[in-house]
C-alpha cells in the first residue's frame, strides 16, 4: 500500500456494528475450519492435562479435549475482537483511515494473544514455562492461525471499498448523463450507439423515413439534417418525457420551437417560421395532445 492509500478513510459501509459482527463471525469460522483441518503445532500434546486433572469428570479422550479447547479459545478470541470492533466503530467510525485500522488491528491482535495466554495458563497450568514465554509462544501460534482470517478481512474491506467507488462513479456518470439530457438530446442508432447530440433548444423536428429517422436542427443559424438508422417507435419511447412530442405517424416536433398552429381546409399544421423548414402536419390522433402542450 502506498502512503496515499493508507491515509484514505475506509468505506463507511464497513464502519457499522452489524458489518463488523459479520466480519468477526467469518473470521471465527475460518479459524475453526483451519484448526480442525490442519491441527497445527502438535496441539494434542497440551491436552493431556485437561483429561487427567481439570475436567476429568467431563472429558475422557484427547478428541473431546481438543474440541473443548478449540471452542473456548475461538469464543474467547471472537468476543474480544467483537468488543474491540464495537469500540472502534463507536469512537472513530467517521475518521478511520487504513493506517489507523491497521494499527488498531495490531493492538487488537496483541490483546487477543494476551487473553488467550491467560486462558491457557488457567486451563492447562503449564508449570514448566513462564508466563512471558507462554505469551510469546501463544503470540507466535496465534499469529500463524489468525493470519488467514485477518487477510480475508482485509481483502473484504478492500473489495467493499472498490465496490463503493464503482457505485459512486456510476452514480456520478448517471447524474451527468441526466444533466446532459436536460440540455441536450442524444440520438442513438439501432445498435444503441450514439450518433448525434443536439441542444434541446436547437432541435426542430424528427421525420420518419422507413428504417431511418431524419433529425432537423439548427446549427450556427442554419438548418441541418442528419439521417440515423433507427425507428420512430424507439425515439418516441426515448423522448416521451421531453418537450419533443409526436404529432403525426411520421413526425415529432419540438414544442418549444413551435411558432404557429394553423388550421385550414387541408388540415392542421405546425409552422416553425424558419426558412427551409416545411410545415409539419398534425393528425387527428395527436391534435388534442399538441393543443394541450401549446396551452401550457
C-alpha atoms as a PDB file:
ATOM      1  CA  UNK A   1       0.000   0.000   0.000  1.00  0.00           C
ATOM      2  CA  UNK A   2       1.270   3.434  -0.799  1.00  0.00           C
ATOM      3  CA  UNK A   3       1.062   6.282   1.644  1.00  0.00           C
ATOM      4  CA  UNK A   4      -1.866   7.988  -0.026  1.00  0.00           C
ATOM      5  CA  UNK A   5      -3.964   4.820   0.258  1.00  0.00           C
ATOM      6  CA  UNK A   6      -3.035   4.325   3.920  1.00  0.00           C
ATOM      7  CA  UNK A   7      -4.252   7.828   4.676  1.00  0.00           C
ATOM      8  CA  UNK A   8      -7.610   7.296   2.967  1.00  0.00           C
ATOM      9  CA  UNK A   9     -10.674   6.536   5.058  1.00  0.00           C
ATOM     10  CA  UNK A  10     -12.046   3.021   4.904  1.00  0.00           C
ATOM     11  CA  UNK A  11     -15.585   2.677   3.444  1.00  0.00           C
ATOM     12  CA  UNK A  12     -18.318   3.917   5.760  1.00  0.00           C
ATOM     13  CA  UNK A  13     -20.317   0.803   4.925  1.00  0.00           C
ATOM     14  CA  UNK A  14     -17.678  -1.197   6.815  1.00  0.00           C
ATOM     15  CA  UNK A  15     -17.917   1.062   9.881  1.00  0.00           C
ATOM     16  CA  UNK A  16     -21.087  -0.411  11.336  1.00  0.00           C
ATOM     17  CA  UNK A  17     -21.595  -2.806  14.235  1.00  0.00           C
ATOM     18  CA  UNK A  18     -23.560  -5.265  12.092  1.00  0.00           C
ATOM     19  CA  UNK A  19     -20.911  -5.361   9.350  1.00  0.00           C
ATOM     20  CA  UNK A  20     -18.076  -5.747  11.864  1.00  0.00           C
ATOM     21  CA  UNK A  21     -20.013  -8.508  13.657  1.00  0.00           C
ATOM     22  CA  UNK A  22     -20.359 -10.308  10.322  1.00  0.00           C
ATOM     23  CA  UNK A  23     -16.602  -9.953   9.716  1.00  0.00           C
ATOM     24  CA  UNK A  24     -15.780 -11.300  13.197  1.00  0.00           C
ATOM     25  CA  UNK A  25     -18.133 -14.258  12.620  1.00  0.00           C
ATOM     26  CA  UNK A  26     -16.436 -15.005   9.306  1.00  0.00           C
ATOM     27  CA  UNK A  27     -13.009 -14.825  10.978  1.00  0.00           C
ATOM     28  CA  UNK A  28     -14.187 -17.252  13.684  1.00  0.00           C
ATOM     29  CA  UNK A  29     -15.490 -19.727  11.092  1.00  0.00           C
ATOM     30  CA  UNK A  30     -12.249 -19.587   9.089  1.00  0.00           C
ATOM     31  CA  UNK A  31     -10.230 -20.120  12.290  1.00  0.00           C
ATOM     32  CA  UNK A  32     -12.309 -23.130  13.334  1.00  0.00           C
ATOM     33  CA  UNK A  33     -12.007 -24.696   9.886  1.00  0.00           C
ATOM     34  CA  UNK A  34      -8.248 -24.080   9.811  1.00  0.00           C
ATOM     35  CA  UNK A  35      -7.610 -25.592  13.265  1.00  0.00           C
ATOM     36  CA  UNK A  36      -9.949 -28.542  12.666  1.00  0.00           C
ATOM     37  CA  UNK A  37      -8.450 -29.461   9.307  1.00  0.00           C
ATOM     38  CA  UNK A  38      -4.739 -28.863   9.979  1.00  0.00           C
ATOM     39  CA  UNK A  39      -4.465 -29.444  13.775  1.00  0.00           C
ATOM     40  CA  UNK A  40      -1.434 -27.095  13.879  1.00  0.00           C
ATOM     41  CA  UNK A  41       1.542 -27.050  16.264  1.00  0.00           C
ATOM     42  CA  UNK A  42       1.048 -30.580  17.704  1.00  0.00           C
ATOM     43  CA  UNK A  43      -1.883 -29.193  19.658  1.00  0.00           C
ATOM     44  CA  UNK A  44      -2.717 -32.625  21.124  1.00  0.00           C
ATOM     45  CA  UNK A  45       0.468 -32.575  23.223  1.00  0.00           C
ATOM     46  CA  UNK A  46      -1.001 -29.915  25.542  1.00  0.00           C
ATOM     47  CA  UNK A  47      -4.354 -31.584  26.155  1.00  0.00           C
ATOM     48  CA  UNK A  48      -3.458 -34.433  28.495  1.00  0.00           C
ATOM     49  CA  UNK A  49      -3.681 -32.113  31.485  1.00  0.00           C
ATOM     50  CA  UNK A  50      -7.357 -31.444  30.762  1.00  0.00           C
ATOM     51  CA  UNK A  51      -8.117 -35.158  30.703  1.00  0.00           C
ATOM     52  CA  UNK A  52      -6.233 -36.122  33.855  1.00  0.00           C
ATOM     53  CA  UNK A  53      -6.719 -33.038  36.062  1.00  0.00           C
ATOM     54  CA  UNK A  54      -9.026 -30.078  35.319  1.00  0.00           C
ATOM     55  CA  UNK A  55     -12.023 -31.650  33.600  1.00  0.00           C
ATOM     56  CA  UNK A  56     -11.532 -35.373  34.027  1.00  0.00           C
ATOM     57  CA  UNK A  57     -15.196 -35.782  35.007  1.00  0.00           C
ATOM     58  CA  UNK A  58     -16.320 -34.364  31.632  1.00  0.00           C
ATOM     59  CA  UNK A  59     -13.557 -35.368  29.233  1.00  0.00           C
ATOM     60  CA  UNK A  60     -12.292 -38.869  28.653  1.00  0.00           C
ATOM     61  CA  UNK A  61     -10.496 -38.515  25.299  1.00  0.00           C
ATOM     62  CA  UNK A  62      -7.981 -36.282  23.576  1.00  0.00           C
ATOM     63  CA  UNK A  63     -10.527 -35.591  20.824  1.00  0.00           C
ATOM     64  CA  UNK A  64     -13.026 -34.180  23.316  1.00  0.00           C
ATOM     65  CA  UNK A  65     -10.315 -32.106  24.935  1.00  0.00           C
ATOM     66  CA  UNK A  66      -9.301 -30.747  21.550  1.00  0.00           C
ATOM     67  CA  UNK A  67     -12.792 -29.557  20.659  1.00  0.00           C
ATOM     68  CA  UNK A  68     -13.340 -28.058  24.094  1.00  0.00           C
ATOM     69  CA  UNK A  69     -10.035 -26.181  23.991  1.00  0.00           C
ATOM     70  CA  UNK A  70     -10.588 -25.002  20.414  1.00  0.00           C
ATOM     71  CA  UNK A  71     -14.171 -23.878  21.026  1.00  0.00           C
ATOM     72  CA  UNK A  72     -13.363 -21.971  24.175  1.00  0.00           C
ATOM     73  CA  UNK A  73     -10.331 -20.295  22.582  1.00  0.00           C
ATOM     74  CA  UNK A  74     -12.273 -19.267  19.479  1.00  0.00           C
ATOM     75  CA  UNK A  75     -15.200 -17.968  21.519  1.00  0.00           C
ATOM     76  CA  UNK A  76     -12.852 -16.019  23.812  1.00  0.00           C
ATOM     77  CA  UNK A  77     -10.945 -14.528  20.878  1.00  0.00           C
ATOM     78  CA  UNK A  78     -14.134 -13.701  18.940  1.00  0.00           C
ATOM     79  CA  UNK A  79     -15.714 -11.940  21.905  1.00  0.00           C
ATOM     80  CA  UNK A  80     -12.560  -9.888  22.461  1.00  0.00           C
ATOM     81  CA  UNK A  81     -12.334  -8.930  18.772  1.00  0.00           C
ATOM     82  CA  UNK A  82     -16.053  -8.078  18.625  1.00  0.00           C
ATOM     83  CA  UNK A  83     -15.763  -5.824  21.691  1.00  0.00           C
ATOM     84  CA  UNK A  84     -12.717  -4.188  20.101  1.00  0.00           C
ATOM     85  CA  UNK A  85     -14.596  -3.563  16.848  1.00  0.00           C
ATOM     86  CA  UNK A  86     -17.621  -2.128  18.654  1.00  0.00           C
ATOM     87  CA  UNK A  87     -15.356   0.329  20.472  1.00  0.00           C
ATOM     88  CA  UNK A  88     -13.667   1.114  17.153  1.00  0.00           C
ATOM     89  CA  UNK A  89     -16.960   1.780  15.354  1.00  0.00           C
ATOM     90  CA  UNK A  90     -18.422   3.870  18.149  1.00  0.00           C
ATOM     91  CA  UNK A  91     -15.335   6.023  18.646  1.00  0.00           C
ATOM     92  CA  UNK A  92     -13.749   6.717  15.247  1.00  0.00           C
ATOM     93  CA  UNK A  93     -16.193   5.453  12.598  1.00  0.00           C
ATOM     94  CA  UNK A  94     -16.251   8.754  10.669  1.00  0.00           C
ATOM     95  CA  UNK A  95     -12.482   9.263  10.535  1.00  0.00           C
ATOM     96  CA  UNK A  96     -10.946   5.808  10.371  1.00  0.00           C
ATOM     97  CA  UNK A  97      -8.107   5.561   7.856  1.00  0.00           C
ATOM     98  CA  UNK A  98      -6.480   2.388   6.583  1.00  0.00           C
ATOM     99  CA  UNK A  99      -3.377   3.272   8.603  1.00  0.00           C
ATOM    100  CA  UNK A 100      -5.406   3.680  11.792  1.00  0.00           C
ATOM    101  CA  UNK A 101      -7.292   0.459  11.115  1.00  0.00           C
ATOM    102  CA  UNK A 102      -4.040  -1.496  10.677  1.00  0.00           C
ATOM    103  CA  UNK A 103      -2.650  -0.076  13.920  1.00  0.00           C
ATOM    104  CA  UNK A 104      -5.890  -0.912  15.702  1.00  0.00           C
ATOM    105  CA  UNK A 105      -5.802  -4.485  14.357  1.00  0.00           C
ATOM    106  CA  UNK A 106      -2.186  -4.861  15.523  1.00  0.00           C
ATOM    107  CA  UNK A 107      -3.031  -3.755  19.064  1.00  0.00           C
ATOM    108  CA  UNK A 108      -6.182  -5.859  18.968  1.00  0.00           C
ATOM    109  CA  UNK A 109      -4.144  -8.883  17.951  1.00  0.00           C
ATOM    110  CA  UNK A 110      -1.723  -8.473  20.863  1.00  0.00           C
ATOM    111  CA  UNK A 111      -4.604  -8.096  23.320  1.00  0.00           C
ATOM    112  CA  UNK A 112      -6.256 -11.245  21.963  1.00  0.00           C
ATOM    113  CA  UNK A 113      -2.960 -13.135  22.316  1.00  0.00           C
ATOM    114  CA  UNK A 114      -2.657 -11.877  25.897  1.00  0.00           C
ATOM    115  CA  UNK A 115      -6.205 -13.017  26.669  1.00  0.00           C
ATOM    116  CA  UNK A 116      -5.542 -16.484  25.212  1.00  0.00           C
ATOM    117  CA  UNK A 117      -2.284 -16.624  27.203  1.00  0.00           C
ATOM    118  CA  UNK A 118      -4.170 -16.039  30.450  1.00  0.00           C
ATOM    119  CA  UNK A 119      -6.782 -18.572  29.329  1.00  0.00           C
ATOM    120  CA  UNK A 120      -4.064 -21.133  28.532  1.00  0.00           C
ATOM    121  CA  UNK A 121      -2.284 -20.577  31.853  1.00  0.00           C
ATOM    122  CA  UNK A 122      -5.576 -21.026  33.713  1.00  0.00           C
ATOM    123  CA  UNK A 123      -6.780 -24.056  31.759  1.00  0.00           C
ATOM    124  CA  UNK A 124      -3.560 -26.019  31.239  1.00  0.00           C
ATOM    125  CA  UNK A 125      -1.430 -24.902  34.231  1.00  0.00           C
ATOM    126  CA  UNK A 126       1.870 -25.240  32.330  1.00  0.00           C
ATOM    127  CA  UNK A 127       4.326 -25.418  35.232  1.00  0.00           C
ATOM    128  CA  UNK A 128       7.431 -25.782  33.109  1.00  0.00           C
ATOM    129  CA  UNK A 129       7.061 -22.488  31.242  1.00  0.00           C
ATOM    130  CA  UNK A 130       6.981 -18.869  32.426  1.00  0.00           C
ATOM    131  CA  UNK A 131       4.103 -16.541  31.691  1.00  0.00           C
ATOM    132  CA  UNK A 132       6.182 -14.360  29.337  1.00  0.00           C
ATOM    133  CA  UNK A 133       7.490 -17.369  27.436  1.00  0.00           C
ATOM    134  CA  UNK A 134       3.937 -18.673  27.223  1.00  0.00           C
ATOM    135  CA  UNK A 135       2.745 -15.283  25.915  1.00  0.00           C
ATOM    136  CA  UNK A 136       5.299 -15.193  23.092  1.00  0.00           C
ATOM    137  CA  UNK A 137       4.578 -18.837  22.288  1.00  0.00           C
ATOM    138  CA  UNK A 138       0.846 -18.097  22.118  1.00  0.00           C
ATOM    139  CA  UNK A 139       1.510 -14.901  20.147  1.00  0.00           C
ATOM    140  CA  UNK A 140       3.510 -16.801  17.528  1.00  0.00           C
ATOM    141  CA  UNK A 141       0.956 -19.568  17.156  1.00  0.00           C
ATOM    142  CA  UNK A 142      -1.983 -17.176  17.204  1.00  0.00           C
ATOM    143  CA  UNK A 143      -0.266 -15.103  14.524  1.00  0.00           C
ATOM    144  CA  UNK A 144       0.003 -18.114  12.241  1.00  0.00           C
ATOM    145  CA  UNK A 145      -3.569 -19.273  12.908  1.00  0.00           C
ATOM    146  CA  UNK A 146      -5.232 -15.861  12.554  1.00  0.00           C
ATOM    147  CA  UNK A 147      -3.112 -14.692   9.634  1.00  0.00           C
ATOM    148  CA  UNK A 148      -5.554 -16.144   7.080  1.00  0.00           C
ATOM    149  CA  UNK A 149      -8.734 -14.699   8.694  1.00  0.00           C
ATOM    150  CA  UNK A 150      -7.151 -11.250   9.001  1.00  0.00           C
ATOM    151  CA  UNK A 151      -6.013 -11.362   5.363  1.00  0.00           C
ATOM    152  CA  UNK A 152      -9.548 -12.317   4.261  1.00  0.00           C
ATOM    153  CA  UNK A 153     -10.919  -9.498   6.403  1.00  0.00           C
ATOM    154  CA  UNK A 154      -8.536  -7.019   4.777  1.00  0.00           C
ATOM    155  CA  UNK A 155      -9.377  -8.241   1.276  1.00  0.00           C
ATOM    156  CA  UNK A 156     -13.078  -7.974   2.047  1.00  0.00           C
ATOM    157  CA  UNK A 157     -12.678  -4.356   3.150  1.00  0.00           C
ATOM    158  CA  UNK A 158     -10.696  -3.513   0.003  1.00  0.00           C
ATOM    159  CA  UNK A 159     -13.349  -5.182  -2.177  1.00  0.00           C
ATOM    160  CA  UNK A 160     -16.119  -3.243  -0.431  1.00  0.00           C
ATOM    161  CA  UNK A 161     -14.102  -0.051  -0.891  1.00  0.00           C
ATOM    162  CA  UNK A 162     -13.697  -0.662  -4.628  1.00  0.00           C
ATOM    163  CA  UNK A 163     -17.369  -1.556  -4.944  1.00  0.00           C
ATOM    164  CA  UNK A 164     -18.301   1.695  -3.199  1.00  0.00           C
ATOM    165  CA  UNK A 165     -16.023   3.657  -5.538  1.00  0.00           C
ATOM    166  CA  UNK A 166     -17.549   1.965  -8.597  1.00  0.00           C
ATOM    167  CA  UNK A 167     -21.064   2.679  -7.301  1.00  0.00           C
ATOM    168  CA  UNK A 168     -20.182   6.329  -6.664  1.00  0.00           C
ATOM    169  CA  UNK A 169     -18.659   6.578 -10.154  1.00  0.00           C
ATOM    170  CA  UNK A 170     -21.768   5.090 -11.747  1.00  0.00           C
ATOM    171  CA  UNK A 171     -23.997   7.469  -9.812  1.00  0.00           C
ATOM    172  CA  UNK A 172     -21.820  10.374 -10.925  1.00  0.00           C
ATOM    173  CA  UNK A 173     -21.993   9.229 -14.559  1.00  0.00           C
ATOM    174  CA  UNK A 174     -25.770   8.778 -14.348  1.00  0.00           C
ATOM    175  CA  UNK A 175     -26.112  12.215 -12.772  1.00  0.00           C
ATOM    176  CA  UNK A 176     -24.004  13.802 -15.509  1.00  0.00           C
ATOM    177  CA  UNK A 177     -25.990  11.918 -18.128  1.00  0.00           C
ATOM    178  CA  UNK A 178     -29.287  13.107 -16.651  1.00  0.00           C
ATOM    179  CA  UNK A 179     -27.954  16.650 -16.502  1.00  0.00           C
ATOM    180  CA  UNK A 180     -26.770  16.460 -20.103  1.00  0.00           C
ATOM    181  CA  UNK A 181     -30.094  15.041 -21.271  1.00  0.00           C
ATOM    182  CA  UNK A 182     -31.864  18.056 -19.808  1.00  0.00           C
ATOM    183  CA  UNK A 183     -29.862  20.377 -22.038  1.00  0.00           C
ATOM    184  CA  UNK A 184     -29.088  18.012 -24.928  1.00  0.00           C
ATOM    185  CA  UNK A 185     -30.916  15.292 -26.785  1.00  0.00           C
ATOM    186  CA  UNK A 186     -28.922  12.200 -27.622  1.00  0.00           C
ATOM    187  CA  UNK A 187     -29.795  10.179 -30.706  1.00  0.00           C
ATOM    188  CA  UNK A 188     -28.806   6.529 -30.972  1.00  0.00           C
ATOM    189  CA  UNK A 189     -28.846   4.108 -33.875  1.00  0.00           C
ATOM    190  CA  UNK A 190     -30.496   0.687 -33.859  1.00  0.00           C
ATOM    191  CA  UNK A 191     -27.355  -0.771 -32.229  1.00  0.00           C
ATOM    192  CA  UNK A 192     -27.681   1.651 -29.293  1.00  0.00           C
ATOM    193  CA  UNK A 193     -24.600   3.594 -30.368  1.00  0.00           C
ATOM    194  CA  UNK A 194     -24.813   7.362 -30.018  1.00  0.00           C
ATOM    195  CA  UNK A 195     -24.758   9.117 -33.399  1.00  0.00           C
ATOM    196  CA  UNK A 196     -25.849  12.690 -32.720  1.00  0.00           C
ATOM    197  CA  UNK A 197     -26.156  15.121 -29.826  1.00  0.00           C
ATOM    198  CA  UNK A 198     -28.280  18.226 -30.270  1.00  0.00           C
ATOM    199  CA  UNK A 199     -29.050  21.009 -27.835  1.00  0.00           C
ATOM    200  CA  UNK A 200     -32.677  20.799 -26.829  1.00  0.00           C
ATOM    201  CA  UNK A 201     -33.273  24.373 -27.913  1.00  0.00           C
ATOM    202  CA  UNK A 202     -31.779  23.714 -31.382  1.00  0.00           C
ATOM    203  CA  UNK A 203     -33.865  20.662 -32.264  1.00  0.00           C
ATOM    204  CA  UNK A 204     -36.747  21.350 -34.667  1.00  0.00           C
ATOM    205  CA  UNK A 205     -38.343  18.095 -35.692  1.00  0.00           C
ATOM    206  CA  UNK A 206     -37.792  14.411 -36.335  1.00  0.00           C
ATOM    207  CA  UNK A 207     -39.012  12.824 -39.536  1.00  0.00           C
ATOM    208  CA  UNK A 208     -39.545   9.107 -40.092  1.00  0.00           C
ATOM    209  CA  UNK A 209     -38.183   7.541 -43.267  1.00  0.00           C
ATOM    210  CA  UNK A 210     -38.721   3.754 -43.303  1.00  0.00           C
ATOM    211  CA  UNK A 211     -35.991   2.308 -41.045  1.00  0.00           C
ATOM    212  CA  UNK A 212     -34.336   5.713 -40.630  1.00  0.00           C
ATOM    213  CA  UNK A 213     -35.115   8.960 -38.891  1.00  0.00           C
ATOM    214  CA  UNK A 214     -34.162  12.388 -40.170  1.00  0.00           C
ATOM    215  CA  UNK A 215     -33.276  14.856 -37.418  1.00  0.00           C
ATOM    216  CA  UNK A 216     -33.807  18.529 -38.284  1.00  0.00           C
ATOM    217  CA  UNK A 217     -31.926  21.011 -36.130  1.00  0.00           C
ATOM    218  CA  UNK A 218     -30.280  24.428 -36.127  1.00  0.00           C
ATOM    219  CA  UNK A 219     -26.516  24.851 -36.236  1.00  0.00           C
ATOM    220  CA  UNK A 220     -24.975  28.327 -36.497  1.00  0.00           C
ATOM    221  CA  UNK A 221     -28.352  29.716 -37.612  1.00  0.00           C
ATOM    222  CA  UNK A 222     -28.564  27.228 -40.445  1.00  0.00           C
ATOM    223  CA  UNK A 223     -30.955  24.313 -40.832  1.00  0.00           C
ATOM    224  CA  UNK A 224     -29.185  20.955 -40.716  1.00  0.00           C
ATOM    225  CA  UNK A 225     -30.425  17.424 -41.271  1.00  0.00           C
ATOM    226  CA  UNK A 226     -28.937  14.141 -40.107  1.00  0.00           C
ATOM    227  CA  UNK A 227     -30.055  10.635 -41.060  1.00  0.00           C
ATOM    228  CA  UNK A 228     -29.803   7.922 -38.390  1.00  0.00           C
ATOM    229  CA  UNK A 229     -30.757   4.281 -38.746  1.00  0.00           C
ATOM    230  CA  UNK A 230     -33.452   3.873 -36.107  1.00  0.00           C
ATOM    231  CA  UNK A 231     -37.216   3.632 -35.846  1.00  0.00           C
ATOM    232  CA  UNK A 232     -39.671   6.307 -34.805  1.00  0.00           C
ATOM    233  CA  UNK A 233     -41.090   3.944 -32.189  1.00  0.00           C
ATOM    234  CA  UNK A 234     -37.766   3.774 -30.295  1.00  0.00           C
ATOM    235  CA  UNK A 235     -37.288   7.535 -30.485  1.00  0.00           C
ATOM    236  CA  UNK A 236     -40.803   8.157 -29.153  1.00  0.00           C
ATOM    237  CA  UNK A 237     -40.065   5.929 -26.173  1.00  0.00           C
ATOM    238  CA  UNK A 238     -36.739   7.676 -25.523  1.00  0.00           C
ATOM    239  CA  UNK A 239     -38.227  11.186 -25.658  1.00  0.00           C
ATOM    240  CA  UNK A 240     -41.592  10.515 -24.019  1.00  0.00           C
ATOM    241  CA  UNK A 241     -40.829  12.790 -21.040  1.00  0.00           C
ATOM    242  CA  UNK A 242     -39.339  15.618 -23.085  1.00  0.00           C
ATOM    243  CA  UNK A 243     -40.815  18.563 -24.969  1.00  0.00           C
ATOM    244  CA  UNK A 244     -40.405  16.625 -28.217  1.00  0.00           C
ATOM    245  CA  UNK A 245     -43.842  15.227 -28.958  1.00  0.00           C
ATOM    246  CA  UNK A 246     -45.280  13.106 -31.709  1.00  0.00           C
ATOM    247  CA  UNK A 247     -47.785  14.929 -33.901  1.00  0.00           C
ATOM    248  CA  UNK A 248     -48.104  12.500 -36.810  1.00  0.00           C
ATOM    249  CA  UNK A 249     -47.197   8.889 -37.518  1.00  0.00           C
ATOM    250  CA  UNK A 250     -44.199  10.241 -39.453  1.00  0.00           C
ATOM    251  CA  UNK A 251     -43.232  13.318 -37.398  1.00  0.00           C
ATOM    252  CA  UNK A 252     -42.175  14.500 -33.957  1.00  0.00           C
ATOM    253  CA  UNK A 253     -41.791  18.205 -33.192  1.00  0.00           C
ATOM    254  CA  UNK A 254     -40.003  20.236 -30.549  1.00  0.00           C
ATOM    255  CA  UNK A 255     -42.886  22.054 -28.868  1.00  0.00           C
ATOM    256  CA  UNK A 256     -40.528  24.772 -27.613  1.00  0.00           C
ATOM    257  CA  UNK A 257     -39.778  25.796 -31.220  1.00  0.00           C
ATOM    258  CA  UNK A 258     -43.365  25.952 -32.483  1.00  0.00           C
ATOM    259  CA  UNK A 259     -44.367  29.434 -33.739  1.00  0.00           C
ATOM    260  CA  UNK A 260     -47.798  28.949 -35.255  1.00  0.00           C
ATOM    261  CA  UNK A 261     -50.562  26.343 -35.161  1.00  0.00           C
ATOM    262  CA  UNK A 262     -52.505  26.753 -38.426  1.00  0.00           C
ATOM    263  CA  UNK A 263     -55.822  25.174 -39.356  1.00  0.00           C
ATOM    264  CA  UNK A 264     -57.096  25.294 -42.950  1.00  0.00           C
ATOM    265  CA  UNK A 265     -59.142  23.195 -45.322  1.00  0.00           C
ATOM    266  CA  UNK A 266     -56.243  20.790 -45.808  1.00  0.00           C
ATOM    267  CA  UNK A 267     -55.858  20.120 -42.084  1.00  0.00           C
ATOM    268  CA  UNK A 268     -53.859  21.363 -39.096  1.00  0.00           C
ATOM    269  CA  UNK A 269     -50.195  22.315 -39.459  1.00  0.00           C
ATOM    270  CA  UNK A 270     -47.289  23.469 -37.307  1.00  0.00           C
ATOM    271  CA  UNK A 271     -45.122  26.356 -38.544  1.00  0.00           C
ATOM    272  CA  UNK A 272     -41.622  26.999 -37.206  1.00  0.00           C
ATOM    273  CA  UNK A 273     -41.143  30.297 -39.007  1.00  0.00           C
ATOM    274  CA  UNK A 274     -37.736  29.185 -40.284  1.00  0.00           C
ATOM    275  CA  UNK A 275     -36.808  29.305 -43.941  1.00  0.00           C
ATOM    276  CA  UNK A 276     -36.166  25.868 -45.354  1.00  0.00           C
ATOM    277  CA  UNK A 277     -38.328  24.059 -42.802  1.00  0.00           C
ATOM    278  CA  UNK A 278     -41.646  22.765 -44.106  1.00  0.00           C
ATOM    279  CA  UNK A 279     -44.950  22.996 -42.257  1.00  0.00           C
ATOM    280  CA  UNK A 280     -45.500  19.821 -40.289  1.00  0.00           C
ATOM    281  CA  UNK A 281     -48.983  18.242 -40.418  1.00  0.00           C
ATOM    282  CA  UNK A 282     -50.794  17.221 -37.230  1.00  0.00           C
ATOM    283  CA  UNK A 283     -53.028  14.165 -37.444  1.00  0.00           C
ATOM    284  CA  UNK A 284     -56.306  13.968 -35.542  1.00  0.00           C
ATOM    285  CA  UNK A 285     -54.831  11.269 -33.266  1.00  0.00           C
ATOM    286  CA  UNK A 286     -52.313  13.689 -31.775  1.00  0.00           C
ATOM    287  CA  UNK A 287     -54.162  17.013 -32.156  1.00  0.00           C
ATOM    288  CA  UNK A 288     -55.525  17.144 -28.595  1.00  0.00           C
ATOM    289  CA  UNK A 289     -52.148  16.379 -27.041  1.00  0.00           C
ATOM    290  CA  UNK A 290     -50.403  19.048 -29.150  1.00  0.00           C
ATOM    291  CA  UNK A 291     -53.097  21.614 -28.346  1.00  0.00           C
ATOM    292  CA  UNK A 292     -52.745  20.938 -24.611  1.00  0.00           C
ATOM    293  CA  UNK A 293     -48.976  21.387 -24.849  1.00  0.00           C
ATOM    294  CA  UNK A 294     -49.377  24.738 -26.567  1.00  0.00           C
ATOM    295  CA  UNK A 295     -51.865  25.865 -23.928  1.00  0.00           C
ATOM    296  CA  UNK A 296     -49.387  25.320 -21.055  1.00  0.00           C
END
